[in-house]
Amino acid sequence: MAWFVLIISALLEAVWATALGQSEGFTKLVPSLVFVAALIPGMATLAYVAKRIPMSTAYAVWAGLGAAFTVAWSMLTGGEPATALRLALLAGIVGSVVGLKLLKPTAPEEAAKTPTR
């Protein structure tokens, strides 16, 4: 359930990031209201997730997916070109997020025993 909520939180990040750009420094009312309306539940869902997934992983997934959703939306609406390189780089972000999901968490005791160089 936490991973599903994390994806919702990342979608909300994309909404508020897009609205922030359209608000023109909070001088346009509707995008400014959308920004606030998406920011508050976006942060609340991230806080919920941080209790269930290590914050380092949760934040990396949240930021990565939020950025990918934001760029994808911009491409779909014609704000940015959807070039092969951009699509490949977005696939790299999504692939990295999937990789973080698939990794088994390391217990803090085990991490402390691992020698560092």
PDB file of N, CA and C in Angstrom:
ATOM      1  N   MET A   1       0.809  -1.195   0.000  1.00  0.00           N
ATOM      2  CA  MET A   1       0.000   0.000   0.000  1.00  0.00           C
ATOM      3  C   MET A   1       0.858   1.268   0.000  1.00  0.00           C
ATOM      4  N   ALA A   2       1.975   1.239   0.750  1.00  0.00           N
ATOM      5  CA  ALA A   2       2.831   2.428   0.830  1.00  0.00           C
ATOM      6  C   ALA A   2       3.399   2.794  -0.539  1.00  0.00           C
ATOM      7  N   TRP A   3       3.725   1.801  -1.344  1.00  0.00           N
ATOM      8  CA  TRP A   3       4.283   2.100  -2.666  1.00  0.00           C
ATOM      9  C   TRP A   3       3.228   2.722  -3.578  1.00  0.00           C
ATOM     10  N   PHE A   4       1.994   2.270  -3.454  1.00  0.00           N
ATOM     11  CA  PHE A   4       0.904   2.876  -4.223  1.00  0.00           C
ATOM     12  C   PHE A   4       0.714   4.335  -3.808  1.00  0.00           C
ATOM     13  N   VAL A   5       0.719   4.590  -2.502  1.00  0.00           N
ATOM     14  CA  VAL A   5       0.581   5.957  -1.998  1.00  0.00           C
ATOM     15  C   VAL A   5       1.756   6.818  -2.464  1.00  0.00           C
ATOM     16  N   LEU A   6       2.940   6.225  -2.532  1.00  0.00           N
ATOM     17  CA  LEU A   6       4.114   6.960  -3.002  1.00  0.00           C
ATOM     18  C   LEU A   6       3.944   7.389  -4.461  1.00  0.00           C
ATOM     19  N   ILE A   7       3.372   6.550  -5.273  1.00  0.00           N
ATOM     20  CA  ILE A   7       3.121   6.908  -6.679  1.00  0.00           C
ATOM     21  C   ILE A   7       2.093   8.040  -6.755  1.00  0.00           C
ATOM     22  N   ILE A   8       1.052   7.967  -5.925  1.00  0.00           N
ATOM     23  CA  ILE A   8       0.061   9.049  -5.876  1.00  0.00           C
ATOM     24  C   ILE A   8       0.738  10.353  -5.457  1.00  0.00           C
ATOM     25  N   SER A   9       1.621  10.270  -4.456  1.00  0.00           N
ATOM     26  CA  SER A   9       2.344  11.451  -3.988  1.00  0.00           C
ATOM     27  C   SER A   9       3.207  12.048  -5.097  1.00  0.00           C
ATOM     28  N   ALA A  10       3.846  11.185  -5.887  1.00  0.00           N
ATOM     29  CA  ALA A  10       4.665  11.663  -7.003  1.00  0.00           C
ATOM     30  C   ALA A  10       3.797  12.322  -8.075  1.00  0.00           C
ATOM     31  N   LEU A  11       2.616  11.781  -8.301  1.00  0.00           N
ATOM     32  CA  LEU A  11       1.689  12.424  -9.248  1.00  0.00           C
ATOM     33  C   LEU A  11       1.285  13.809  -8.743  1.00  0.00           C
ATOM     34  N   LEU A  12       1.029  13.910  -7.439  1.00  0.00           N
ATOM     35  CA  LEU A  12       0.695  15.208  -6.864  1.00  0.00           C
ATOM     36  C   LEU A  12       1.867  16.180  -6.984  1.00  0.00           C
ATOM     37  N   GLU A  13       3.091  15.654  -6.860  1.00  0.00           N
ATOM     38  CA  GLU A  13       4.254  16.521  -7.054  1.00  0.00           C
ATOM     39  C   GLU A  13       4.278  17.079  -8.473  1.00  0.00           C
ATOM     40  N   ALA A  14       3.972  16.230  -9.442  1.00  0.00           N
ATOM     41  CA  ALA A  14       3.948  16.687 -10.832  1.00  0.00           C
ATOM     42  C   ALA A  14       2.874  17.754 -11.032  1.00  0.00           C
ATOM     43  N   VAL A  15       1.737  17.588 -10.371  1.00  0.00           N
ATOM     44  CA  VAL A  15       0.664  18.577 -10.487  1.00  0.00           C
ATOM     45  C   VAL A  15       1.111  19.909  -9.917  1.00  0.00           C
ATOM     46  N   TRP A  16       1.659  19.890  -8.675  1.00  0.00           N
ATOM     47  CA  TRP A  16       2.036  21.188  -8.091  1.00  0.00           C
ATOM     48  C   TRP A  16       3.225  21.810  -8.791  1.00  0.00           C
ATOM     49  N   ALA A  17       4.141  20.993  -9.300  1.00  0.00           N
ATOM     50  CA  ALA A  17       5.283  21.558 -10.032  1.00  0.00           C
ATOM     51  C   ALA A  17       4.818  22.227 -11.333  1.00  0.00           C
ATOM     52  N   THR A  18       3.902  21.580 -12.019  1.00  0.00           N
ATOM     53  CA  THR A  18       3.356  22.158 -13.250  1.00  0.00           C
ATOM     54  C   THR A  18       2.583  23.438 -12.943  1.00  0.00           C
ATOM     55  N   ALA A  19       1.757  23.398 -11.898  1.00  0.00           N
ATOM     56  CA  ALA A  19       0.985  24.584 -11.509  1.00  0.00           C
ATOM     57  C   ALA A  19       1.901  25.720 -11.085  1.00  0.00           C
ATOM     58  N   LEU A  20       2.983  25.385 -10.390  1.00  0.00           N
ATOM     59  CA  LEU A  20       3.939  26.415  -9.971  1.00  0.00           C
ATOM     60  C   LEU A  20       4.509  27.138 -11.192  1.00  0.00           C
ATOM     61  N   GLY A  21       4.870  26.376 -12.201  1.00  0.00           N
ATOM     62  CA  GLY A  21       5.389  26.990 -13.422  1.00  0.00           C
ATOM     63  C   GLY A  21       4.371  27.863 -14.118  1.00  0.00           C
ATOM     64  N   GLN A  22       3.112  27.448 -14.076  1.00  0.00           N
ATOM     65  CA  GLN A  22       2.055  28.209 -14.741  1.00  0.00           C
ATOM     66  C   GLN A  22       1.556  29.396 -13.921  1.00  0.00           C
ATOM     67  N   SER A  23       1.913  29.427 -12.632  1.00  0.00           N
ATOM     68  CA  SER A  23       1.421  30.509 -11.763  1.00  0.00           C
ATOM     69  C   SER A  23       2.141  31.830 -11.990  1.00  0.00           C
ATOM     70  N   GLU A  24       3.260  31.779 -12.716  1.00  0.00           N
ATOM     71  CA  GLU A  24       4.063  32.969 -12.995  1.00  0.00           C
ATOM     72  C   GLU A  24       4.360  33.742 -11.715  1.00  0.00           C
ATOM     73  N   GLY A  25       5.013  33.023 -10.785  1.00  0.00           N
ATOM     74  CA  GLY A  25       5.405  33.662  -9.527  1.00  0.00           C
ATOM     75  C   GLY A  25       4.213  33.968  -8.629  1.00  0.00           C
ATOM     76  N   PHE A  26       3.219  33.106  -8.667  1.00  0.00           N
ATOM     77  CA  PHE A  26       1.991  33.257  -7.881  1.00  0.00           C
ATOM     78  C   PHE A  26       1.206  34.514  -8.242  1.00  0.00           C
ATOM     79  N   THR A  27       1.326  34.959  -9.488  1.00  0.00           N
ATOM     80  CA  THR A  27       0.548  36.113  -9.934  1.00  0.00           C
ATOM     81  C   THR A  27      -0.745  35.694 -10.636  1.00  0.00           C
ATOM     82  N   LYS A  28      -0.879  34.403 -10.978  1.00  0.00           N
ATOM     83  CA  LYS A  28      -2.111  33.890 -11.583  1.00  0.00           C
ATOM     84  C   LYS A  28      -2.841  33.067 -10.527  1.00  0.00           C
ATOM     85  N   LEU A  29      -4.092  33.393 -10.290  1.00  0.00           N
ATOM     86  CA  LEU A  29      -4.846  32.811  -9.186  1.00  0.00           C
ATOM     87  C   LEU A  29      -5.078  31.298  -9.329  1.00  0.00           C
ATOM     88  N   VAL A  30      -5.619  30.864 -10.457  1.00  0.00           N
ATOM     89  CA  VAL A  30      -5.998  29.459 -10.589  1.00  0.00           C
ATOM     90  C   VAL A  30      -4.791  28.525 -10.464  1.00  0.00           C
ATOM     91  N   PRO A  31      -3.706  28.750 -11.203  1.00  0.00           N
ATOM     92  CA  PRO A  31      -2.558  27.859 -11.003  1.00  0.00           C
ATOM     93  C   PRO A  31      -1.996  27.926  -9.583  1.00  0.00           C
ATOM     94  N   SER A  32      -2.074  29.087  -8.951  1.00  0.00           N
ATOM     95  CA  SER A  32      -1.597  29.219  -7.573  1.00  0.00           C
ATOM     96  C   SER A  32      -2.449  28.380  -6.626  1.00  0.00           C
ATOM     97  N   LEU A  33      -3.753  28.371  -6.839  1.00  0.00           N
ATOM     98  CA  LEU A  33      -4.645  27.557  -6.014  1.00  0.00           C
ATOM     99  C   LEU A  33      -4.433  26.065  -6.266  1.00  0.00           C
ATOM    100  N   VAL A  34      -4.205  25.699  -7.524  1.00  0.00           N
ATOM    101  CA  VAL A  34      -3.913  24.294  -7.852  1.00  0.00           C
ATOM    102  C   VAL A  34      -2.615  23.876  -7.182  1.00  0.00           C
ATOM    103  N   PHE A  35      -1.627  24.754  -7.193  1.00  0.00           N
ATOM    104  CA  PHE A  35      -0.351  24.479  -6.518  1.00  0.00           C
ATOM    105  C   PHE A  35      -0.579  24.116  -5.058  1.00  0.00           C
ATOM    106  N   VAL A  36      -1.304  24.957  -4.340  1.00  0.00           N
ATOM    107  CA  VAL A  36      -1.555  24.723  -2.908  1.00  0.00           C
ATOM    108  C   VAL A  36      -2.395  23.464  -2.705  1.00  0.00           C
ATOM    109  N   ALA A  37      -3.405  23.301  -3.569  1.00  0.00           N
ATOM    110  CA  ALA A  37      -4.300  22.151  -3.443  1.00  0.00           C
ATOM    111  C   ALA A  37      -3.588  20.823  -3.682  1.00  0.00           C
ATOM    112  N   ALA A  38      -2.545  20.815  -4.467  1.00  0.00           N
ATOM    113  CA  ALA A  38      -1.780  19.590  -4.716  1.00  0.00           C
ATOM    114  C   ALA A  38      -0.609  19.449  -3.745  1.00  0.00           C
ATOM    115  N   LEU A  39      -0.041  20.573  -3.318  1.00  0.00           N
ATOM    116  CA  LEU A  39       1.121  20.530  -2.429  1.00  0.00           C
ATOM    117  C   LEU A  39       0.776  19.924  -1.072  1.00  0.00           C
ATOM    118  N   ILE A  40      -0.327  20.334  -0.484  1.00  0.00           N
ATOM    119  CA  ILE A  40      -0.667  19.876   0.865  1.00  0.00           C
ATOM    120  C   ILE A  40      -0.885  18.358   0.910  1.00  0.00           C
ATOM    121  N   PRO A  41      -1.737  17.780   0.057  1.00  0.00           N
ATOM    122  CA  PRO A  41      -1.864  16.325   0.106  1.00  0.00           C
ATOM    123  C   PRO A  41      -0.605  15.607  -0.389  1.00  0.00           C
ATOM    124  N   GLY A  42       0.152  16.254  -1.272  1.00  0.00           N
ATOM    125  CA  GLY A  42       1.410  15.662  -1.738  1.00  0.00           C
ATOM    126  C   GLY A  42       2.405  15.483  -0.604  1.00  0.00           C
ATOM    127  N   MET A  43       2.514  16.495   0.240  1.00  0.00           N
ATOM    128  CA  MET A  43       3.421  16.400   1.396  1.00  0.00           C
ATOM    129  C   MET A  43       2.871  15.435   2.449  1.00  0.00           C
ATOM    130  N   ALA A  44       1.552  15.433   2.633  1.00  0.00           N
ATOM    131  CA  ALA A  44       0.937  14.526   3.614  1.00  0.00           C
ATOM    132  C   ALA A  44       1.147  13.067   3.209  1.00  0.00           C
ATOM    133  N   THR A  45       0.990  12.780   1.924  1.00  0.00           N
ATOM    134  CA  THR A  45       1.203  11.398   1.474  1.00  0.00           C
ATOM    135  C   THR A  45       2.672  11.016   1.561  1.00  0.00           C
ATOM    136  N   LEU A  46       3.574  11.935   1.295  1.00  0.00           N
ATOM    137  CA  LEU A  46       5.002  11.643   1.448  1.00  0.00           C
ATOM    138  C   LEU A  46       5.332  11.373   2.916  1.00  0.00           C
ATOM    139  N   ALA A  47       4.745  12.130   3.820  1.00  0.00           N
ATOM    140  CA  ALA A  47       4.964  11.903   5.251  1.00  0.00           C
ATOM    141  C   ALA A  47       4.441  10.528   5.669  1.00  0.00           C
ATOM    142  N   TYR A  48       3.289  10.146   5.150  1.00  0.00           N
ATOM    143  CA  TYR A  48       2.731   8.817   5.418  1.00  0.00           C
ATOM    144  C   TYR A  48       3.696   7.721   4.956  1.00  0.00           C
ATOM    145  N   VAL A  49       4.192   7.881   3.745  1.00  0.00           N
ATOM    146  CA  VAL A  49       5.089   6.889   3.159  1.00  0.00           C
ATOM    147  C   VAL A  49       6.406   6.803   3.934  1.00  0.00           C
ATOM    148  N   ALA A  50       6.899   7.931   4.418  1.00  0.00           N
ATOM    149  CA  ALA A  50       8.188   7.964   5.123  1.00  0.00           C
ATOM    150  C   ALA A  50       8.164   7.134   6.408  1.00  0.00           C
ATOM    151  N   LYS A  51       6.984   6.834   6.920  1.00  0.00           N
ATOM    152  CA  LYS A  51       6.865   5.972   8.102  1.00  0.00           C
ATOM    153  C   LYS A  51       6.944   4.494   7.733  1.00  0.00           C
ATOM    154  N   ARG A  52       6.830   4.193   6.434  1.00  0.00           N
ATOM    155  CA  ARG A  52       6.732   2.802   6.008  1.00  0.00           C
ATOM    156  C   ARG A  52       7.841   2.359   5.064  1.00  0.00           C
ATOM    157  N   ILE A  53       8.471   3.306   4.417  1.00  0.00           N
ATOM    158  CA  ILE A  53       9.577   3.036   3.487  1.00  0.00           C
ATOM    159  C   ILE A  53      10.727   3.912   3.953  1.00  0.00           C
ATOM    160  N   PRO A  54      11.968   3.416   3.932  1.00  0.00           N
ATOM    161  CA  PRO A  54      13.087   4.282   4.340  1.00  0.00           C
ATOM    162  C   PRO A  54      13.047   5.607   3.570  1.00  0.00           C
ATOM    163  N   MET A  55      13.238   6.701   4.288  1.00  0.00           N
ATOM    164  CA  MET A  55      13.107   8.036   3.690  1.00  0.00           C
ATOM    165  C   MET A  55      14.038   8.221   2.499  1.00  0.00           C
ATOM    166  N   SER A  56      15.241   7.673   2.574  1.00  0.00           N
ATOM    167  CA  SER A  56      16.174   7.827   1.448  1.00  0.00           C
ATOM    168  C   SER A  56      15.593   7.220   0.178  1.00  0.00           C
ATOM    169  N   THR A  57      14.984   6.070   0.281  1.00  0.00           N
ATOM    170  CA  THR A  57      14.367   5.423  -0.872  1.00  0.00           C
ATOM    171  C   THR A  57      13.090   6.155  -1.267  1.00  0.00           C
ATOM    172  N   ALA A  58      12.252   6.468  -0.281  1.00  0.00           N
ATOM    173  CA  ALA A  58      10.981   7.141  -0.576  1.00  0.00           C
ATOM    174  C   ALA A  58      11.218   8.466  -1.292  1.00  0.00           C
ATOM    175  N   TYR A  59      12.178   9.242  -0.805  1.00  0.00           N
ATOM    176  CA  TYR A  59      12.426  10.550  -1.414  1.00  0.00           C
ATOM    177  C   TYR A  59      12.986  10.396  -2.831  1.00  0.00           C
ATOM    178  N   ALA A  60      13.896   9.458  -3.026  1.00  0.00           N
ATOM    179  CA  ALA A  60      14.466   9.255  -4.365  1.00  0.00           C
ATOM    180  C   ALA A  60      13.379   8.846  -5.354  1.00  0.00           C
ATOM    181  N   VAL A  61      12.501   7.953  -4.942  1.00  0.00           N
ATOM    182  CA  VAL A  61      11.405   7.515  -5.809  1.00  0.00           C
ATOM    183  C   VAL A  61      10.434   8.668  -6.059  1.00  0.00           C
ATOM    184  N   TRP A  62      10.087   9.394  -4.993  1.00  0.00           N
ATOM    185  CA  TRP A  62       9.156  10.513  -5.101  1.00  0.00           C
ATOM    186  C   TRP A  62       9.687  11.583  -6.060  1.00  0.00           C
ATOM    187  N   ALA A  63      10.928  11.969  -5.870  1.00  0.00           N
ATOM    188  CA  ALA A  63      11.522  13.013  -6.712  1.00  0.00           C
ATOM    189  C   ALA A  63      11.693  12.526  -8.153  1.00  0.00           C
ATOM    190  N   GLY A  64      12.156  11.291  -8.300  1.00  0.00           N
ATOM    191  CA  GLY A  64      12.375  10.754  -9.646  1.00  0.00           C
ATOM    192  C   GLY A  64      11.086  10.610 -10.431  1.00  0.00           C
ATOM    193  N   LEU A  65      10.083   9.979  -9.806  1.00  0.00           N
ATOM    194  CA  LEU A  65       8.804   9.822 -10.501  1.00  0.00           C
ATOM    195  C   LEU A  65       8.112  11.163 -10.709  1.00  0.00           C
ATOM    196  N   GLY A  66       8.194  12.040  -9.721  1.00  0.00           N
ATOM    197  CA  GLY A  66       7.581  13.364  -9.875  1.00  0.00           C
ATOM    198  C   GLY A  66       8.176  14.111 -11.057  1.00  0.00           C
ATOM    199  N   ALA A  67       9.497  14.054 -11.181  1.00  0.00           N
ATOM    200  CA  ALA A  67      10.161  14.701 -12.317  1.00  0.00           C
ATOM    201  C   ALA A  67       9.763  14.034 -13.631  1.00  0.00           C
ATOM    202  N   ALA A  68       9.729  12.713 -13.645  1.00  0.00           N
ATOM    203  CA  ALA A  68       9.358  11.989 -14.868  1.00  0.00           C
ATOM    204  C   ALA A  68       7.919  12.304 -15.268  1.00  0.00           C
ATOM    205  N   PHE A  69       7.004  12.319 -14.303  1.00  0.00           N
ATOM    206  CA  PHE A  69       5.605  12.656 -14.603  1.00  0.00           C
ATOM    207  C   PHE A  69       5.482  14.088 -15.120  1.00  0.00           C
ATOM    208  N   THR A  70       6.242  15.004 -14.535  1.00  0.00           N
ATOM    209  CA  THR A  70       6.189  16.404 -14.945  1.00  0.00           C
ATOM    210  C   THR A  70       6.666  16.560 -16.385  1.00  0.00           C
ATOM    211  N   VAL A  71       7.779  15.937 -16.713  1.00  0.00           N
ATOM    212  CA  VAL A  71       8.316  16.026 -18.078  1.00  0.00           C
ATOM    213  C   VAL A  71       7.389  15.318 -19.062  1.00  0.00           C
ATOM    214  N   ALA A  72       6.877  14.155 -18.674  1.00  0.00           N
ATOM    215  CA  ALA A  72       5.968  13.422 -19.563  1.00  0.00           C
ATOM    216  C   ALA A  72       4.725  14.256 -19.859  1.00  0.00           C
ATOM    217  N   TRP A  73       4.173  14.901 -18.831  1.00  0.00           N
ATOM    218  CA  TRP A  73       3.001  15.766 -19.035  1.00  0.00           C
ATOM    219  C   TRP A  73       3.340  16.909 -19.989  1.00  0.00           C
ATOM    220  N   SER A  74       4.505  17.491 -19.809  1.00  0.00           N
ATOM    221  CA  SER A  74       4.914  18.590 -20.674  1.00  0.00           C
ATOM    222  C   SER A  74       5.055  18.122 -22.127  1.00  0.00           C
ATOM    223  N   MET A  75       5.560  16.922 -22.307  1.00  0.00           N
ATOM    224  CA  MET A  75       5.675  16.373 -23.661  1.00  0.00           C
ATOM    225  C   MET A  75       4.293  16.106 -24.263  1.00  0.00           C
ATOM    226  N   LEU A  76       3.401  15.546 -23.445  1.00  0.00           N
ATOM    227  CA  LEU A  76       2.053  15.229 -23.934  1.00  0.00           C
ATOM    228  C   LEU A  76       1.255  16.470 -24.303  1.00  0.00           C
ATOM    229  N   THR A  77       1.498  17.567 -23.600  1.00  0.00           N
ATOM    230  CA  THR A  77       0.750  18.797 -23.866  1.00  0.00           C
ATOM    231  C   THR A  77       1.463  19.725 -24.841  1.00  0.00           C
ATOM    232  N   GLY A  78       2.609  19.301 -25.353  1.00  0.00           N
ATOM    233  CA  GLY A  78       3.322  20.088 -26.345  1.00  0.00           C
ATOM    234  C   GLY A  78       4.272  21.122 -25.787  1.00  0.00           C
ATOM    235  N   GLY A  79       4.509  21.113 -24.484  1.00  0.00           N
ATOM    236  CA  GLY A  79       5.416  22.068 -23.868  1.00  0.00           C
ATOM    237  C   GLY A  79       6.882  21.773 -24.150  1.00  0.00           C
ATOM    238  N   GLU A  80       7.181  20.504 -24.361  1.00  0.00           N
ATOM    239  CA  GLU A  80       8.546  20.069 -24.678  1.00  0.00           C
ATOM    240  C   GLU A  80       8.475  19.019 -25.774  1.00  0.00           C
ATOM    241  N   PRO A  81       9.498  18.954 -26.604  1.00  0.00           N
ATOM    242  CA  PRO A  81       9.492  17.928 -27.643  1.00  0.00           C
ATOM    243  C   PRO A  81       9.740  16.539 -27.043  1.00  0.00           C
ATOM    244  N   ALA A  82       9.073  15.538 -27.600  1.00  0.00           N
ATOM    245  CA  ALA A  82       9.251  14.158 -27.156  1.00  0.00           C
ATOM    246  C   ALA A  82      10.264  13.471 -28.064  1.00  0.00           C
ATOM    247  N   THR A  83      11.538  13.778 -27.863  1.00  0.00           N
ATOM    248  CA  THR A  83      12.579  13.188 -28.686  1.00  0.00           C
ATOM    249  C   THR A  83      12.941  11.800 -28.167  1.00  0.00           C
ATOM    250  N   ALA A  84      13.591  11.022 -28.998  1.00  0.00           N
ATOM    251  CA  ALA A  84      14.012   9.678 -28.601  1.00  0.00           C
ATOM    252  C   ALA A  84      14.946   9.736 -27.390  1.00  0.00           C
ATOM    253  N   LEU A  85      15.844  10.705 -27.361  1.00  0.00           N
ATOM    254  CA  LEU A  85      16.772  10.812 -26.237  1.00  0.00           C
ATOM    255  C   LEU A  85      16.026  11.160 -24.948  1.00  0.00           C
ATOM    256  N   ARG A  86      15.093  12.095 -25.002  1.00  0.00           N
ATOM    257  CA  ARG A  86      14.314  12.447 -23.806  1.00  0.00           C
ATOM    258  C   ARG A  86      13.535  11.234 -23.296  1.00  0.00           C
ATOM    259  N   LEU A  87      12.918  10.495 -24.197  1.00  0.00           N
ATOM    260  CA  LEU A  87      12.162   9.309 -23.803  1.00  0.00           C
ATOM    261  C   LEU A  87      13.078   8.251 -23.197  1.00  0.00           C
ATOM    262  N   ALA A  88      14.266   8.085 -23.758  1.00  0.00           N
ATOM    263  CA  ALA A  88      15.218   7.123 -23.204  1.00  0.00           C
ATOM    264  C   ALA A  88      15.667   7.540 -21.805  1.00  0.00           C
ATOM    265  N   LEU A  89      15.915   8.822 -21.619  1.00  0.00           N
ATOM    266  CA  LEU A  89      16.322   9.304 -20.298  1.00  0.00           C
ATOM    267  C   LEU A  89      15.195   9.157 -19.276  1.00  0.00           C
ATOM    268  N   LEU A  90      13.954   9.406 -19.682  1.00  0.00           N
ATOM    269  CA  LEU A  90      12.818   9.179 -18.790  1.00  0.00           C
ATOM    270  C   LEU A  90      12.697   7.696 -18.436  1.00  0.00           C
ATOM    271  N   ALA A  91      12.922   6.837 -19.410  1.00  0.00           N
ATOM    272  CA  ALA A  91      12.897   5.392 -19.136  1.00  0.00           C
ATOM    273  C   ALA A  91      13.986   5.029 -18.129  1.00  0.00           C
ATOM    274  N   GLY A  92      15.119   5.716 -18.197  1.00  0.00           N
ATOM    275  CA  GLY A  92      16.187   5.480 -17.222  1.00  0.00           C
ATOM    276  C   GLY A  92      15.765   5.864 -15.812  1.00  0.00           C
ATOM    277  N   ILE A  93      15.059   6.970 -15.682  1.00  0.00           N
ATOM    278  CA  ILE A  93      14.558   7.378 -14.358  1.00  0.00           C
ATOM    279  C   ILE A  93      13.581   6.332 -13.826  1.00  0.00           C
ATOM    280  N   VAL A  94      12.632   5.946 -14.660  1.00  0.00           N
ATOM    281  CA  VAL A  94      11.631   4.964 -14.239  1.00  0.00           C
ATOM    282  C   VAL A  94      12.301   3.627 -13.927  1.00  0.00           C
ATOM    283  N   GLY A  95      13.284   3.230 -14.729  1.00  0.00           N
ATOM    284  CA  GLY A  95      14.020   1.995 -14.460  1.00  0.00           C
ATOM    285  C   GLY A  95      14.759   2.044 -13.131  1.00  0.00           C
ATOM    286  N   SER A  96      15.311   3.191 -12.801  1.00  0.00           N
ATOM    287  CA  SER A  96      15.997   3.359 -11.516  1.00  0.00           C
ATOM    288  C   SER A  96      15.017   3.249 -10.354  1.00  0.00           C
ATOM    289  N   VAL A  97      13.837   3.818 -10.523  1.00  0.00           N
ATOM    290  CA  VAL A  97      12.806   3.735  -9.486  1.00  0.00           C
ATOM    291  C   VAL A  97      12.383   2.277  -9.285  1.00  0.00           C
ATOM    292  N   VAL A  98      12.182   1.563 -10.375  1.00  0.00           N
ATOM    293  CA  VAL A  98      11.823   0.139 -10.275  1.00  0.00           C
ATOM    294  C   VAL A  98      12.940  -0.623  -9.567  1.00  0.00           C
ATOM    295  N   GLY A  99      14.174  -0.300  -9.883  1.00  0.00           N
ATOM    296  CA  GLY A  99      15.309  -0.943  -9.220  1.00  0.00           C
ATOM    297  C   GLY A  99      15.302  -0.700  -7.723  1.00  0.00           C
ATOM    298  N   LEU A 100      15.008   0.521  -7.299  1.00  0.00           N
ATOM    299  CA  LEU A 100      14.929   0.813  -5.867  1.00  0.00           C
ATOM    300  C   LEU A 100      13.808   0.013  -5.200  1.00  0.00           C
ATOM    301  N   LYS A 101      12.702  -0.166  -5.908  1.00  0.00           N
ATOM    302  CA  LYS A 101      11.589  -0.951  -5.363  1.00  0.00           C
ATOM    303  C   LYS A 101      11.996  -2.412  -5.199  1.00  0.00           C
ATOM    304  N   LEU A 102      12.764  -2.927  -6.132  1.00  0.00           N
ATOM    305  CA  LEU A 102      13.124  -4.344  -6.111  1.00  0.00           C
ATOM    306  C   LEU A 102      14.235  -4.678  -5.118  1.00  0.00           C
ATOM    307  N   LEU A 103      15.033  -3.671  -4.733  1.00  0.00           N
ATOM    308  CA  LEU A 103      16.113  -3.918  -3.776  1.00  0.00           C
ATOM    309  C   LEU A 103      15.553  -4.314  -2.421  1.00  0.00           C
ATOM    310  N   LYS A 104      16.209  -5.264  -1.793  1.00  0.00           N
ATOM    311  CA  LYS A 104      15.834  -5.643  -0.433  1.00  0.00           C
ATOM    312  C   LYS A 104      16.488  -4.655   0.521  1.00  0.00           C
ATOM    313  N   PRO A 105      15.727  -4.122   1.480  1.00  0.00           N
ATOM    314  CA  PRO A 105      16.337  -3.181   2.435  1.00  0.00           C
ATOM    315  C   PRO A 105      17.387  -3.876   3.287  1.00  0.00           C
ATOM    316  N   THR A 106      18.452  -3.153   3.591  1.00  0.00           N
ATOM    317  CA  THR A 106      19.515  -3.664   4.443  1.00  0.00           C
ATOM    318  C   THR A 106      19.239  -3.192   5.860  1.00  0.00           C
ATOM    319  N   ALA A 107      19.305  -4.138   6.791  1.00  0.00           N
ATOM    320  CA  ALA A 107      19.096  -3.770   8.195  1.00  0.00           C
ATOM    321  C   ALA A 107      20.228  -2.860   8.644  1.00  0.00           C
ATOM    322  N   PRO A 108      19.946  -1.869   9.498  1.00  0.00           N
ATOM    323  CA  PRO A 108      20.990  -0.944   9.948  1.00  0.00           C
ATOM    324  C   PRO A 108      22.181  -1.666  10.584  1.00  0.00           C
ATOM    325  N   GLU A 109      21.923  -2.789  11.295  1.00  0.00           N
ATOM    326  CA  GLU A 109      23.027  -3.521  11.922  1.00  0.00           C
ATOM    327  C   GLU A 109      23.965  -4.104  10.861  1.00  0.00           C
ATOM    328  N   GLU A 110      23.373  -4.621   9.775  1.00  0.00           N
ATOM    329  CA  GLU A 110      24.184  -5.194   8.703  1.00  0.00           C
ATOM    330  C   GLU A 110      24.988  -4.109   7.994  1.00  0.00           C
ATOM    331  N   ALA A 111      24.392  -2.957   7.784  1.00  0.00           N
ATOM    332  CA  ALA A 111      25.086  -1.858   7.125  1.00  0.00           C
ATOM    333  C   ALA A 111      26.259  -1.387   7.965  1.00  0.00           C
ATOM    334  N   ALA A 112      26.090  -1.389   9.290  1.00  0.00           N
ATOM    335  CA  ALA A 112      27.167  -0.947  10.177  1.00  0.00           C
ATOM    336  C   ALA A 112      28.337  -1.925  10.169  1.00  0.00           C
ATOM    337  N   LYS A 113      28.069  -3.202   9.900  1.00  0.00           N
ATOM    338  CA  LYS A 113      29.118  -4.225   9.872  1.00  0.00           C
ATOM    339  C   LYS A 113      29.884  -4.217   8.556  1.00  0.00           C
ATOM    340  N   THR A 114      29.297  -3.642   7.521  1.00  0.00           N
ATOM    341  CA  THR A 114      29.928  -3.628   6.206  1.00  0.00           C
ATOM    342  C   THR A 114      31.111  -2.679   6.238  1.00  0.00           C
ATOM    343  N   PRO A 115      32.313  -3.201   5.883  1.00  0.00           N
ATOM    344  CA  PRO A 115      33.503  -2.308   5.913  1.00  0.00           C
ATOM    345  C   PRO A 115      33.409  -1.231   4.834  1.00  0.00           C
ATOM    346  N   THR A 116      33.836  -0.040   5.180  1.00  0.00           N
ATOM    347  CA  THR A 116      33.872   1.062   4.213  1.00  0.00           C
ATOM    348  C   THR A 116      35.306   1.336   3.854  1.00  0.00           C
ATOM    349  N   ARG A 117      35.510   1.918   2.722  1.00  0.00           N
ATOM    350  CA  ARG A 117      36.871   2.236   2.262  1.00  0.00           C
ATOM    351  C   ARG A 117      37.065   3.695   2.189  1.00  0.00           C
TER     352      ARG A 117
END
